[in-house]
C-alpha atoms as a PDB file:
ATOM      1  CA  MET A   1       0.000   0.000   0.000  1.00  0.00           C
ATOM      2  CA  ASP A   2       1.191   3.524  -0.773  1.00  0.00           C
ATOM      3  CA  PRO A   3       1.752   5.214   2.629  1.00  0.00           C
ATOM      4  CA  LYS A   4       1.388   8.682   1.075  1.00  0.00           C
ATOM      5  CA  ARG A   5      -2.044   7.811  -0.251  1.00  0.00           C
ATOM      6  CA  ILE A   6      -3.037   6.209   3.059  1.00  0.00           C
ATOM      7  CA  ALA A   7      -2.137   9.405   4.948  1.00  0.00           C
ATOM      8  CA  ALA A   8      -3.976  11.556   2.405  1.00  0.00           C
ATOM      9  CA  GLU A   9      -7.138   9.455   2.625  1.00  0.00           C
ATOM     10  CA  LYS A  10      -7.123   9.853   6.400  1.00  0.00           C
ATOM     11  CA  ALA A  11      -6.691  13.619   6.126  1.00  0.00           C
ATOM     12  CA  ILE A  12      -9.476  14.246   3.629  1.00  0.00           C
ATOM     13  CA  GLY A  13     -11.895  12.776   6.152  1.00  0.00           C
ATOM     14  CA  PHE A  14     -11.655  16.152   7.924  1.00  0.00           C
ATOM     15  CA  VAL A  15     -13.053  18.004   4.884  1.00  0.00           C
ATOM     16  CA  ARG A  16     -16.594  19.269   5.443  1.00  0.00           C
ATOM     17  CA  ASP A  17     -19.229  20.758   3.163  1.00  0.00           C
ATOM     18  CA  GLY A  18     -18.890  24.508   2.665  1.00  0.00           C
ATOM     19  CA  MET A  19     -15.196  24.705   3.565  1.00  0.00           C
ATOM     20  CA  LEU A  20     -12.566  26.909   1.974  1.00  0.00           C
ATOM     21  CA  LEU A  21      -9.586  24.596   1.545  1.00  0.00           C
ATOM     22  CA  GLY A  22      -5.862  25.108   1.081  1.00  0.00           C
ATOM     23  CA  LEU A  23      -4.301  22.638  -1.342  1.00  0.00           C
ATOM     24  CA  GLY A  24      -0.650  21.776  -0.877  1.00  0.00           C
ATOM     25  CA  THR A  25       2.034  20.903  -3.402  1.00  0.00           C
ATOM     26  CA  GLY A  26       4.009  17.713  -3.951  1.00  0.00           C
ATOM     27  CA  SER A  27       3.573  13.978  -4.372  1.00  0.00           C
ATOM     28  CA  THR A  28       1.687  13.440  -1.114  1.00  0.00           C
ATOM     29  CA  ALA A  29      -0.548  16.498  -1.504  1.00  0.00           C
ATOM     30  CA  HIS A  30      -1.373  15.155  -4.976  1.00  0.00           C
ATOM     31  CA  TRP A  31      -3.280  12.272  -3.368  1.00  0.00           C
ATOM     32  CA  ALA A  32      -5.204  14.679  -1.138  1.00  0.00           C
ATOM     33  CA  ILE A  33      -6.345  16.714  -4.158  1.00  0.00           C
ATOM     34  CA  VAL A  34      -7.390  13.558  -5.998  1.00  0.00           C
ATOM     35  CA  GLY A  35      -9.239  12.324  -2.909  1.00  0.00           C
ATOM     36  CA  ILE A  36     -11.062  15.620  -2.344  1.00  0.00           C
ATOM     37  CA  ALA A  37     -12.184  15.625  -5.974  1.00  0.00           C
ATOM     38  CA  GLU A  38     -13.535  12.096  -5.550  1.00  0.00           C
ATOM     39  CA  ARG A  39     -15.519  13.152  -2.482  1.00  0.00           C
ATOM     40  CA  ILE A  40     -16.954  16.098  -4.444  1.00  0.00           C
ATOM     41  CA  ARG A  41     -18.142  13.726  -7.155  1.00  0.00           C
ATOM     42  CA  LYS A  42     -19.580  11.123  -4.796  1.00  0.00           C
ATOM     43  CA  GLU A  43     -20.986  13.332  -2.039  1.00  0.00           C
ATOM     44  CA  LYS A  44     -21.748  16.522  -3.982  1.00  0.00           C
ATOM     45  CA  LEU A  45     -19.643  18.518  -1.531  1.00  0.00           C
ATOM     46  CA  GLN A  46     -19.664  22.267  -2.031  1.00  0.00           C
ATOM     47  CA  VAL A  47     -16.097  23.365  -1.321  1.00  0.00           C
ATOM     48  CA  ARG A  48     -13.752  26.004  -2.711  1.00  0.00           C
ATOM     49  CA  ALA A  49      -9.981  25.943  -2.664  1.00  0.00           C
ATOM     50  CA  ILE A  50      -6.824  28.032  -2.840  1.00  0.00           C
ATOM     51  CA  ALA A  51      -3.811  26.256  -4.341  1.00  0.00           C
ATOM     52  CA  THR A  52      -0.194  26.721  -3.259  1.00  0.00           C
ATOM     53  CA  SER A  53       1.292  26.287  -6.741  1.00  0.00           C
ATOM     54  CA  LEU A  54       0.358  26.497 -10.396  1.00  0.00           C
ATOM     55  CA  GLN A  55       0.863  22.732 -10.573  1.00  0.00           C
ATOM     56  CA  SER A  56      -1.646  22.027  -7.812  1.00  0.00           C
ATOM     57  CA  GLU A  57      -4.048  24.598  -9.217  1.00  0.00           C
ATOM     58  CA  LYS A  58      -4.065  22.844 -12.582  1.00  0.00           C
ATOM     59  CA  LEU A  59      -4.575  19.422 -11.014  1.00  0.00           C
ATOM     60  CA  ALA A  60      -7.448  20.765  -8.893  1.00  0.00           C
ATOM     61  CA  ARG A  61      -9.190  22.491 -11.799  1.00  0.00           C
ATOM     62  CA  ASP A  62      -8.774  19.433 -14.019  1.00  0.00           C
ATOM     63  CA  SER A  63     -10.259  17.304 -11.218  1.00  0.00           C
ATOM     64  CA  GLY A  64     -13.323  19.506 -10.784  1.00  0.00           C
ATOM     65  CA  ILE A  65     -12.334  21.478  -7.678  1.00  0.00           C
ATOM     66  CA  SER A  66     -13.354  25.145  -7.686  1.00  0.00           C
ATOM     67  CA  ILE A  67     -10.282  27.380  -7.328  1.00  0.00           C
ATOM     68  CA  VAL A  68     -10.768  30.883  -5.942  1.00  0.00           C
ATOM     69  CA  PRO A  69      -8.355  33.768  -5.304  1.00  0.00           C
ATOM     70  CA  PHE A  70      -7.476  35.163  -1.907  1.00  0.00           C
ATOM     71  CA  ASP A  71      -9.405  38.182  -0.759  1.00  0.00           C
ATOM     72  CA  LYS A  72      -8.645  40.407   2.210  1.00  0.00           C
ATOM     73  CA  ASN A  73     -11.161  38.620   4.413  1.00  0.00           C
ATOM     74  CA  ALA A  74     -10.297  35.063   3.409  1.00  0.00           C
ATOM     75  CA  VAL A  75      -9.681  32.616   6.219  1.00  0.00           C
ATOM     76  CA  ILE A  76      -8.978  29.089   5.068  1.00  0.00           C
ATOM     77  CA  ASP A  77     -10.819  26.464   7.082  1.00  0.00           C
ATOM     78  CA  LEU A  78      -8.419  23.610   6.416  1.00  0.00           C
ATOM     79  CA  THR A  79      -5.150  23.172   4.520  1.00  0.00           C
ATOM     80  CA  ILE A  80      -3.767  19.745   3.682  1.00  0.00           C
ATOM     81  CA  ASP A  81      -0.123  19.659   2.633  1.00  0.00           C
ATOM     82  CA  GLY A  82       2.946  17.446   2.700  1.00  0.00           C
ATOM     83  CA  ALA A  83       6.415  17.934   4.180  1.00  0.00           C
ATOM     84  CA  ASP A  84       9.980  16.886   3.464  1.00  0.00           C
ATOM     85  CA  GLU A  85      10.744  16.291   7.134  1.00  0.00           C
ATOM     86  CA  VAL A  86       8.759  16.456  10.361  1.00  0.00           C
ATOM     87  CA  ASN A  87       9.751  15.863  13.970  1.00  0.00           C
ATOM     88  CA  ARG A  88       7.536  14.861  16.870  1.00  0.00           C
ATOM     89  CA  ASP A  89       7.321  18.484  18.026  1.00  0.00           C
ATOM     90  CA  LEU A  90       5.451  19.114  14.732  1.00  0.00           C
ATOM     91  CA  ASP A  91       8.173  21.332  13.301  1.00  0.00           C
ATOM     92  CA  LEU A  92       8.594  20.859   9.548  1.00  0.00           C
ATOM     93  CA  ILE A  93      10.916  21.355   6.631  1.00  0.00           C
ATOM     94  CA  LYS A  94       9.006  22.112   3.432  1.00  0.00           C
ATOM     95  CA  GLY A  95       9.881  23.432   0.001  1.00  0.00           C
ATOM     96  CA  GLY A  96      11.286  20.436  -1.834  1.00  0.00           C
ATOM     97  CA  GLY A  97       8.674  21.104  -4.507  1.00  0.00           C
ATOM     98  CA  GLY A  98       9.640  24.766  -4.734  1.00  0.00           C
ATOM     99  CA  ALA A  99       6.388  26.261  -3.414  1.00  0.00           C
ATOM    100  CA  LEU A 100       7.416  27.118   0.144  1.00  0.00           C
ATOM    101  CA  LEU A 101       6.507  30.831   0.077  1.00  0.00           C
ATOM    102  CA  ARG A 102       2.967  30.214  -1.157  1.00  0.00           C
ATOM    103  CA  GLU A 103       2.651  27.222   1.150  1.00  0.00           C
ATOM    104  CA  LYS A 104       3.570  29.337   4.165  1.00  0.00           C
ATOM    105  CA  ILE A 105       1.178  32.142   3.207  1.00  0.00           C
ATOM    106  CA  VAL A 106      -1.654  29.631   2.904  1.00  0.00           C
ATOM    107  CA  ALA A 107      -0.678  27.831   6.113  1.00  0.00           C
ATOM    108  CA  TYR A 108      -0.506  31.102   8.077  1.00  0.00           C
ATOM    109  CA  ASN A 109      -3.998  32.019   6.951  1.00  0.00           C
ATOM    110  CA  SER A 110      -5.529  28.629   7.813  1.00  0.00           C
ATOM    111  CA  ARG A 111      -7.553  27.729  10.880  1.00  0.00           C
ATOM    112  CA  GLN A 112      -6.149  24.210  10.672  1.00  0.00           C
ATOM    113  CA  LEU A 113      -3.080  22.781   8.919  1.00  0.00           C
ATOM    114  CA  ILE A 114      -2.921  19.013   8.480  1.00  0.00           C
ATOM    115  CA  ILE A 115       0.411  17.666   7.277  1.00  0.00           C
ATOM    116  CA  ILE A 116       0.490  14.261   5.561  1.00  0.00           C
ATOM    117  CA  VAL A 117       3.685  12.239   5.179  1.00  0.00           C
ATOM    118  CA  ASP A 118       4.953   8.704   4.813  1.00  0.00           C
ATOM    119  CA  ASP A 119       6.978   7.357   7.718  1.00  0.00           C
ATOM    120  CA  SER A 120      10.341   8.061   6.010  1.00  0.00           C
ATOM    121  CA  LYS A 121       9.725  11.793   6.584  1.00  0.00           C
ATOM    122  CA  LEU A 122       9.382  11.401  10.371  1.00  0.00           C
ATOM    123  CA  VAL A 123      12.754  12.219  11.950  1.00  0.00           C
ATOM    124  CA  ALA A 124      14.220  12.686  15.407  1.00  0.00           C
ATOM    125  CA  ALA A 125      15.856  15.971  14.379  1.00  0.00           C
ATOM    126  CA  LEU A 126      15.364  18.193  11.350  1.00  0.00           C
ATOM    127  CA  GLY A 127      18.217  18.908   8.967  1.00  0.00           C
ATOM    128  CA  ARG A 128      18.992  15.761   7.031  1.00  0.00           C
ATOM    129  CA  PHE A 129      16.900  17.232   4.205  1.00  0.00           C
ATOM    130  CA  PRO A 130      18.588  20.460   3.021  1.00  0.00           C
ATOM    131  CA  LEU A 131      16.523  23.461   4.122  1.00  0.00           C
ATOM    132  CA  PRO A 132      15.016  25.353   1.153  1.00  0.00           C
ATOM    133  CA  VAL A 133      15.224  29.144   1.385  1.00  0.00           C
ATOM    134  CA  GLU A 134      13.409  31.246  -1.230  1.00  0.00           C
ATOM    135  CA  ILE A 135      15.413  34.341  -2.152  1.00  0.00           C
ATOM    136  CA  ALA A 136      15.345  37.365  -4.453  1.00  0.00           C
ATOM    137  CA  THR A 137      17.309  36.927  -7.661  1.00  0.00           C
ATOM    138  CA  PHE A 138      19.028  40.307  -7.171  1.00  0.00           C
ATOM    139  CA  GLY A 139      22.270  39.861  -5.248  1.00  0.00           C
ATOM    140  CA  TRP A 140      21.613  36.176  -4.638  1.00  0.00           C
ATOM    141  CA  GLU A 141      25.328  35.442  -4.287  1.00  0.00           C
ATOM    142  CA  LEU A 142      25.527  37.800  -1.302  1.00  0.00           C
ATOM    143  CA  THR A 143      22.410  36.253   0.230  1.00  0.00           C
ATOM    144  CA  ALA A 144      24.049  32.836  -0.118  1.00  0.00           C
ATOM    145  CA  HIS A 145      27.213  34.159   1.549  1.00  0.00           C
ATOM    146  CA  HIS A 146      25.264  35.455   4.554  1.00  0.00           C
ATOM    147  CA  LEU A 147      23.376  32.175   4.835  1.00  0.00           C
ATOM    148  CA  SER A 148      26.638  30.236   4.903  1.00  0.00           C
ATOM    149  CA  SER A 149      27.728  32.274   7.943  1.00  0.00           C
ATOM    150  CA  LEU A 150      24.911  30.574   9.872  1.00  0.00           C
ATOM    151  CA  GLY A 151      26.634  27.219   9.496  1.00  0.00           C
ATOM    152  CA  CYS A 152      25.246  25.743   6.310  1.00  0.00           C
ATOM    153  CA  GLN A 153      26.353  25.013   2.781  1.00  0.00           C
ATOM    154  CA  PRO A 154      23.850  26.765   0.479  1.00  0.00           C
ATOM    155  CA  LYS A 155      23.429  25.424  -3.043  1.00  0.00           C
ATOM    156  CA  LEU A 156      21.496  27.179  -5.791  1.00  0.00           C
ATOM    157  CA  ARG A 157      18.694  24.888  -6.953  1.00  0.00           C
ATOM    158  CA  MET A 158      18.907  23.789 -10.573  1.00  0.00           C
ATOM    159  CA  HIS A 159      16.384  22.032 -12.815  1.00  0.00           C
ATOM    160  CA  ASP A 160      17.138  20.531 -16.229  1.00  0.00           C
ATOM    161  CA  GLY A 161      20.469  22.310 -16.316  1.00  0.00           C
ATOM    162  CA  LYS A 162      18.962  25.733 -15.577  1.00  0.00           C
ATOM    163  CA  THR A 163      18.481  27.762 -12.422  1.00  0.00           C
ATOM    164  CA  PHE A 164      15.158  26.807 -10.848  1.00  0.00           C
ATOM    165  CA  VAL A 165      12.707  29.724 -10.670  1.00  0.00           C
ATOM    166  CA  THR A 166       9.679  29.600  -8.367  1.00  0.00           C
ATOM    167  CA  ASP A 167       6.120  30.540  -9.353  1.00  0.00           C
ATOM    168  CA  ASN A 168       6.919  33.902  -7.746  1.00  0.00           C
ATOM    169  CA  GLY A 169      10.007  34.510  -9.889  1.00  0.00           C
ATOM    170  CA  HIS A 170      12.518  33.803  -7.114  1.00  0.00           C
ATOM    171  CA  TYR A 171      15.500  31.473  -6.671  1.00  0.00           C
ATOM    172  CA  ILE A 172      15.844  28.749  -4.049  1.00  0.00           C
ATOM    173  CA  LEU A 173      18.964  27.982  -2.034  1.00  0.00           C
ATOM    174  CA  ASP A 174      19.032  24.479  -0.547  1.00  0.00           C
ATOM    175  CA  CYS A 175      20.960  24.841   2.707  1.00  0.00           C
ATOM    176  CA  ASN A 176      22.626  21.826   4.282  1.00  0.00           C
ATOM    177  CA  PHE A 177      22.694  22.329   8.051  1.00  0.00           C
ATOM    178  CA  GLU A 178      22.896  18.559   8.795  1.00  0.00           C
ATOM    179  CA  VAL A 179      21.147  18.994  12.171  1.00  0.00           C
ATOM    180  CA  ILE A 180      18.733  21.783  13.150  1.00  0.00           C
ATOM    181  CA  SER A 181      18.303  21.838  16.921  1.00  0.00           C
ATOM    182  CA  GLU A 182      16.637  25.248  17.399  1.00  0.00           C
ATOM    183  CA  SER A 183      14.110  25.625  14.599  1.00  0.00           C
ATOM    184  CA  ALA A 184      12.487  28.873  15.755  1.00  0.00           C
ATOM    185  CA  TYR A 185      15.805  30.629  16.361  1.00  0.00           C
ATOM    186  CA  LEU A 186      17.262  29.543  13.019  1.00  0.00           C
ATOM    187  CA  ASN A 187      14.086  30.564  11.187  1.00  0.00           C
ATOM    188  CA  GLN A 188      14.309  34.031  12.719  1.00  0.00           C
ATOM    189  CA  ARG A 189      18.025  34.444  11.897  1.00  0.00           C
ATOM    190  CA  ILE A 190      17.529  33.461   8.275  1.00  0.00           C
ATOM    191  CA  ARG A 191      14.551  35.773   7.790  1.00  0.00           C
ATOM    192  CA  GLU A 192      16.641  38.720   9.041  1.00  0.00           C
ATOM    193  CA  ILE A 193      18.921  38.452   5.993  1.00  0.00           C
ATOM    194  CA  PRO A 194      17.985  40.958   3.249  1.00  0.00           C
ATOM    195  CA  GLY A 195      17.076  39.093   0.088  1.00  0.00           C
ATOM    196  CA  VAL A 196      15.405  36.192   1.898  1.00  0.00           C
ATOM    197  CA  MET A 197      11.748  35.898   0.928  1.00  0.00           C
ATOM    198  CA  GLU A 198      10.887  32.938   3.172  1.00  0.00           C
ATOM    199  CA  THR A 199      12.349  29.830   4.765  1.00  0.00           C
ATOM    200  CA  GLY A 200      11.174  26.236   4.515  1.00  0.00           C
ATOM    201  CA  LEU A 201      11.011  25.957   8.306  1.00  0.00           C
ATOM    202  CA  PHE A 202       7.384  25.694   9.430  1.00  0.00           C
ATOM    203  CA  VAL A 203       7.658  26.065  13.196  1.00  0.00           C
ATOM    204  CA  GLN A 204       4.616  25.130  15.303  1.00  0.00           C
ATOM    205  CA  MET A 205       2.221  25.775  12.418  1.00  0.00           C
ATOM    206  CA  ALA A 206       0.786  22.277  11.981  1.00  0.00           C
ATOM    207  CA  SER A 207      -2.387  21.333  13.843  1.00  0.00           C
ATOM    208  CA  LYS A 208      -1.696  17.655  13.304  1.00  0.00           C
ATOM    209  CA  VAL A 209       0.583  15.383  11.306  1.00  0.00           C
ATOM    210  CA  ILE A 210      -0.757  12.165   9.793  1.00  0.00           C
ATOM    211  CA  VAL A 211       1.916   9.555   9.106  1.00  0.00           C
ATOM    212  CA  GLY A 212       1.201   6.715   6.701  1.00  0.00           C
ATOM    213  CA  TYR A 213       2.904   3.312   6.890  1.00  0.00           C
ATOM    214  CA  GLU A 214       3.323   0.626   4.233  1.00  0.00           C
ATOM    215  CA  ASP A 215       1.358  -1.883   6.306  1.00  0.00           C
ATOM    216  CA  GLY A 216      -1.725   0.358   6.038  1.00  0.00           C
ATOM    217  CA  ARG A 217      -1.492   1.942   9.476  1.00  0.00           C
ATOM    218  CA  THR A 218      -1.638   5.657  10.160  1.00  0.00           C
ATOM    219  CA  GLU A 219      -0.316   7.571  13.149  1.00  0.00           C
ATOM    220  CA  THR A 220      -1.641  11.008  14.086  1.00  0.00           C
ATOM    221  CA  LEU A 221       0.632  13.442  15.907  1.00  0.00           C
ATOM    222  CA  GLU A 222      -0.954  16.462  17.555  1.00  0.00           C
ATOM    223  CA  GLY A 223       0.547  19.456  19.292  1.00  0.00           C
END
């Protein structure tokens, strides 16, 4: 059994009629979008959604989910998203799919954030997965230099031999810290650097984390 799909199926059980949903990005969030669309077809649910990437937006539209823009009064009832790493304190590293800025905006404006992962993403300490940091293209070399002074090895993300550019027109530096022991402090230090748009550290933002296992089990972690 696919543990990502198992976790997603558990999470979409929290979707209720009339909700405004946040749709995450990545291989695990893909299953949540597919599952929500199936519930809409079977149960005639009336839900609207805000997507965290152009990729997820296309998948949602193609699947029959109504996509709406943010407005100044929008409060998202529930966001379902994946993560690249999560610890048992519910701190996360996100951004492997390149959508971390939009994902954090959506997460911040959500009443509830459910993270879905397979068990390989559950770690004792964050940092094995290089931390994505979204940065302005202007002066990116200097931004990388300042990031390295915090104890990491930043690497400009590439895709198909070209510099990866986010949906927002920014670059991403993947920063290898090896072990991140103080997530909140590191997040603050990185965000103080001019040129940094956002970090992939999601500190105490998740309401719950649903972990899927290959044997069909799920485990729910709550703060």
